[in-house]
N, C-alpha and C. Protein backbone atom coordinates (compact mmCIF):
# COMPACT_ATOMS: atom_id res chain seq x y z
N MET A 1 21.11 -0.21 11.19
CA MET A 1 19.70 0.05 11.38
C MET A 1 19.06 0.31 10.02
N PRO A 2 17.97 -0.38 9.70
CA PRO A 2 17.32 -0.17 8.41
C PRO A 2 16.70 1.23 8.31
N LEU A 3 16.67 1.72 7.10
CA LEU A 3 16.07 3.03 6.86
C LEU A 3 14.55 2.92 6.94
N PRO A 4 13.88 3.96 7.42
CA PRO A 4 12.42 3.91 7.51
C PRO A 4 11.78 3.83 6.11
N ALA A 5 11.09 2.74 5.85
CA ALA A 5 10.51 2.50 4.52
C ALA A 5 9.53 3.59 4.12
N HIS A 6 8.77 4.09 5.08
CA HIS A 6 7.77 5.10 4.72
C HIS A 6 8.43 6.40 4.25
N LEU A 7 9.61 6.73 4.78
CA LEU A 7 10.31 7.94 4.33
C LEU A 7 10.91 7.74 2.94
N ILE A 8 11.42 6.56 2.69
CA ILE A 8 11.95 6.25 1.36
C ILE A 8 10.83 6.34 0.33
N GLU A 9 9.69 5.75 0.64
CA GLU A 9 8.55 5.78 -0.27
C GLU A 9 8.05 7.20 -0.48
N GLU A 10 7.99 7.98 0.58
CA GLU A 10 7.53 9.37 0.47
C GLU A 10 8.43 10.15 -0.49
N LEU A 11 9.72 10.00 -0.34
CA LEU A 11 10.65 10.70 -1.21
C LEU A 11 10.54 10.17 -2.65
N ALA A 12 10.43 8.87 -2.81
CA ALA A 12 10.34 8.26 -4.13
C ALA A 12 9.04 8.61 -4.85
N HIS A 13 8.03 9.05 -4.12
CA HIS A 13 6.76 9.46 -4.74
C HIS A 13 6.70 10.96 -4.99
N ASN A 14 7.70 11.69 -4.56
CA ASN A 14 7.73 13.14 -4.78
C ASN A 14 8.04 13.40 -6.26
N PRO A 15 7.12 14.04 -6.98
CA PRO A 15 7.33 14.25 -8.42
C PRO A 15 8.61 15.01 -8.76
N ARG A 16 9.00 15.97 -7.94
CA ARG A 16 10.23 16.72 -8.21
C ARG A 16 11.46 15.84 -8.00
N PHE A 17 11.41 14.96 -6.99
CA PHE A 17 12.52 14.04 -6.75
C PHE A 17 12.64 13.05 -7.91
N VAL A 18 11.51 12.52 -8.35
CA VAL A 18 11.50 11.58 -9.47
C VAL A 18 12.08 12.26 -10.71
N ALA A 19 11.68 13.51 -10.94
CA ALA A 19 12.21 14.25 -12.09
C ALA A 19 13.72 14.38 -11.98
N TYR A 20 14.22 14.67 -10.78
CA TYR A 20 15.66 14.79 -10.57
C TYR A 20 16.37 13.47 -10.90
N VAL A 21 15.87 12.40 -10.35
CA VAL A 21 16.52 11.10 -10.55
C VAL A 21 16.51 10.71 -12.02
N LEU A 22 15.44 11.07 -12.72
CA LEU A 22 15.33 10.71 -14.13
C LEU A 22 16.05 11.69 -15.05
N GLY A 23 16.73 12.68 -14.47
CA GLY A 23 17.61 13.52 -15.26
C GLY A 23 17.09 14.89 -15.63
N ASP A 24 16.02 15.36 -15.01
CA ASP A 24 15.50 16.70 -15.31
C ASP A 24 16.45 17.76 -14.77
N PRO A 25 17.08 18.54 -15.64
CA PRO A 25 18.03 19.55 -15.16
C PRO A 25 17.37 20.64 -14.32
N ASP A 26 16.06 20.86 -14.51
CA ASP A 26 15.36 21.87 -13.72
C ASP A 26 15.25 21.48 -12.25
N ALA A 27 15.35 20.20 -11.95
CA ALA A 27 15.23 19.73 -10.57
C ALA A 27 16.59 19.53 -9.91
N GLN A 28 17.65 19.64 -10.67
CA GLN A 28 18.99 19.31 -10.17
C GLN A 28 19.42 20.19 -8.99
N ASP A 29 19.36 21.51 -9.15
CA ASP A 29 19.82 22.41 -8.08
C ASP A 29 19.04 22.19 -6.79
N GLU A 30 17.73 22.03 -6.93
CA GLU A 30 16.87 21.83 -5.76
C GLU A 30 17.31 20.64 -4.92
N TRP A 31 17.52 19.50 -5.58
CA TRP A 31 17.82 18.28 -4.82
C TRP A 31 19.27 18.19 -4.40
N GLU A 32 20.17 18.76 -5.16
CA GLU A 32 21.56 18.78 -4.72
C GLU A 32 21.72 19.72 -3.53
N SER A 33 20.97 20.81 -3.51
CA SER A 33 20.97 21.72 -2.35
C SER A 33 20.37 21.02 -1.14
N TRP A 34 19.27 20.31 -1.35
CA TRP A 34 18.62 19.59 -0.25
C TRP A 34 19.59 18.58 0.36
N LEU A 35 20.28 17.86 -0.50
CA LEU A 35 21.23 16.85 -0.02
C LEU A 35 22.37 17.51 0.74
N ALA A 36 22.86 18.63 0.25
CA ALA A 36 23.95 19.34 0.94
C ALA A 36 23.49 19.87 2.30
N GLU A 37 22.23 20.27 2.40
CA GLU A 37 21.69 20.79 3.66
C GLU A 37 21.33 19.67 4.65
N HIS A 38 21.15 18.47 4.15
CA HIS A 38 20.74 17.33 4.98
C HIS A 38 21.66 16.13 4.76
N PRO A 39 22.95 16.27 5.04
CA PRO A 39 23.86 15.16 4.76
C PRO A 39 23.52 13.88 5.54
N ASP A 40 22.85 14.05 6.66
CA ASP A 40 22.45 12.88 7.45
C ASP A 40 21.37 12.06 6.74
N LYS A 41 20.74 12.64 5.75
CA LYS A 41 19.69 11.95 4.99
C LYS A 41 20.21 11.31 3.71
N ALA A 42 21.53 11.34 3.50
CA ALA A 42 22.10 10.79 2.27
C ALA A 42 21.71 9.33 2.04
N PRO A 43 21.78 8.46 3.05
CA PRO A 43 21.37 7.07 2.78
C PRO A 43 19.91 6.97 2.33
N LEU A 44 19.03 7.76 2.94
CA LEU A 44 17.63 7.80 2.54
C LEU A 44 17.50 8.29 1.10
N PHE A 45 18.22 9.36 0.78
CA PHE A 45 18.21 9.96 -0.56
C PHE A 45 18.60 8.93 -1.61
N PHE A 46 19.72 8.25 -1.40
CA PHE A 46 20.21 7.30 -2.40
C PHE A 46 19.37 6.03 -2.46
N GLU A 47 18.81 5.62 -1.34
CA GLU A 47 17.91 4.46 -1.35
C GLU A 47 16.65 4.79 -2.14
N ALA A 48 16.11 5.99 -1.94
CA ALA A 48 14.92 6.41 -2.69
C ALA A 48 15.26 6.55 -4.18
N ALA A 49 16.44 7.06 -4.49
CA ALA A 49 16.85 7.18 -5.90
C ALA A 49 16.95 5.80 -6.54
N ASP A 50 17.49 4.84 -5.80
CA ASP A 50 17.57 3.47 -6.33
C ASP A 50 16.17 2.91 -6.59
N LEU A 51 15.25 3.20 -5.68
CA LEU A 51 13.87 2.73 -5.84
C LEU A 51 13.24 3.34 -7.10
N VAL A 52 13.43 4.64 -7.28
CA VAL A 52 12.90 5.30 -8.47
C VAL A 52 13.49 4.67 -9.73
N CYS A 53 14.79 4.44 -9.73
CA CYS A 53 15.44 3.83 -10.89
C CYS A 53 14.88 2.44 -11.16
N THR A 54 14.68 1.68 -10.11
CA THR A 54 14.13 0.33 -10.27
C THR A 54 12.72 0.39 -10.84
N LEU A 55 11.92 1.31 -10.31
CA LEU A 55 10.54 1.43 -10.79
C LEU A 55 10.48 1.92 -12.22
N HIS A 56 11.45 2.71 -12.62
CA HIS A 56 11.47 3.25 -13.97
C HIS A 56 12.41 2.47 -14.88
N ASP A 57 12.97 1.38 -14.34
CA ASP A 57 13.83 0.49 -15.12
C ASP A 57 14.92 1.27 -15.85
N THR A 58 15.63 2.08 -15.10
CA THR A 58 16.70 2.89 -15.69
C THR A 58 17.81 3.04 -14.67
N GLN A 59 18.92 3.55 -15.09
CA GLN A 59 20.00 3.85 -14.19
C GLN A 59 19.88 5.30 -13.77
N ALA A 60 20.44 5.61 -12.60
CA ALA A 60 20.44 7.00 -12.14
C ALA A 60 21.19 7.85 -13.17
N HIS A 61 20.77 9.09 -13.32
CA HIS A 61 21.40 9.96 -14.29
C HIS A 61 22.76 10.46 -13.85
N LEU A 62 23.07 10.27 -12.59
CA LEU A 62 24.36 10.73 -12.10
C LEU A 62 25.45 9.72 -12.44
N PRO A 63 26.53 10.19 -13.05
CA PRO A 63 27.65 9.30 -13.30
C PRO A 63 28.27 8.85 -11.97
N GLU A 64 28.90 7.71 -11.99
CA GLU A 64 29.50 7.17 -10.77
C GLU A 64 30.50 8.15 -10.15
N GLU A 65 31.25 8.86 -11.00
CA GLU A 65 32.21 9.85 -10.48
C GLU A 65 31.51 10.91 -9.66
N GLU A 66 30.35 11.38 -10.15
CA GLU A 66 29.61 12.42 -9.44
C GLU A 66 29.03 11.89 -8.13
N ILE A 67 28.56 10.67 -8.15
CA ILE A 67 28.04 10.06 -6.91
C ILE A 67 29.17 9.96 -5.89
N ASN A 68 30.33 9.50 -6.33
CA ASN A 68 31.48 9.40 -5.42
C ASN A 68 31.87 10.77 -4.88
N GLN A 69 31.83 11.79 -5.73
CA GLN A 69 32.17 13.14 -5.28
C GLN A 69 31.16 13.65 -4.26
N LEU A 70 29.88 13.37 -4.48
CA LEU A 70 28.85 13.77 -3.50
C LEU A 70 29.11 13.10 -2.15
N TRP A 71 29.41 11.81 -2.17
CA TRP A 71 29.70 11.11 -0.92
C TRP A 71 30.93 11.71 -0.24
N ASN A 72 31.96 12.01 -1.01
CA ASN A 72 33.17 12.60 -0.44
C ASN A 72 32.88 13.98 0.16
N ASP A 73 32.08 14.78 -0.54
CA ASP A 73 31.70 16.10 -0.02
C ASP A 73 30.92 15.97 1.28
N LEU A 74 30.00 15.01 1.32
CA LEU A 74 29.21 14.81 2.54
C LEU A 74 30.10 14.36 3.69
N ALA A 75 31.02 13.45 3.41
CA ALA A 75 31.93 12.98 4.45
C ALA A 75 32.78 14.13 4.99
N SER A 76 33.23 15.01 4.10
CA SER A 76 34.01 16.18 4.53
C SER A 76 33.19 17.09 5.42
N ARG A 77 31.94 17.31 5.04
CA ARG A 77 31.06 18.17 5.85
C ARG A 77 30.82 17.57 7.23
N LEU A 78 30.62 16.26 7.25
CA LEU A 78 30.39 15.60 8.53
C LEU A 78 31.64 15.70 9.41
N ASP A 79 32.81 15.54 8.80
CA ASP A 79 34.07 15.69 9.54
C ASP A 79 34.22 17.10 10.09
N GLU A 80 33.85 18.10 9.29
CA GLU A 80 33.92 19.49 9.73
C GLU A 80 32.97 19.74 10.90
N ASP A 81 31.77 19.14 10.84
CA ASP A 81 30.77 19.32 11.90
C ASP A 81 31.25 18.70 13.21
N GLU A 82 31.99 17.60 13.10
CA GLU A 82 32.48 16.92 14.31
C GLU A 82 33.65 17.65 14.95
N ALA A 83 34.35 18.45 14.16
CA ALA A 83 35.54 19.16 14.67
C ALA A 83 35.17 20.39 15.48
């Protein structure tokens, strides 16, 4: 099922989210906490981050290892919720 475009755009237009994606350390805790609290929104989060990167012609500030770790953490949380 495709992600709702209006939600992706809303997130991608949020100045604090854009700051996070572009590497602002002041926004890091806020968005990593949000993602941890809303693991079901991870696809939306990463799709919006990709959009921000595309619009700003840059790569996400998160190293691939960290992205993989975030996905693994989310998967673990989801497994715990199902148990």
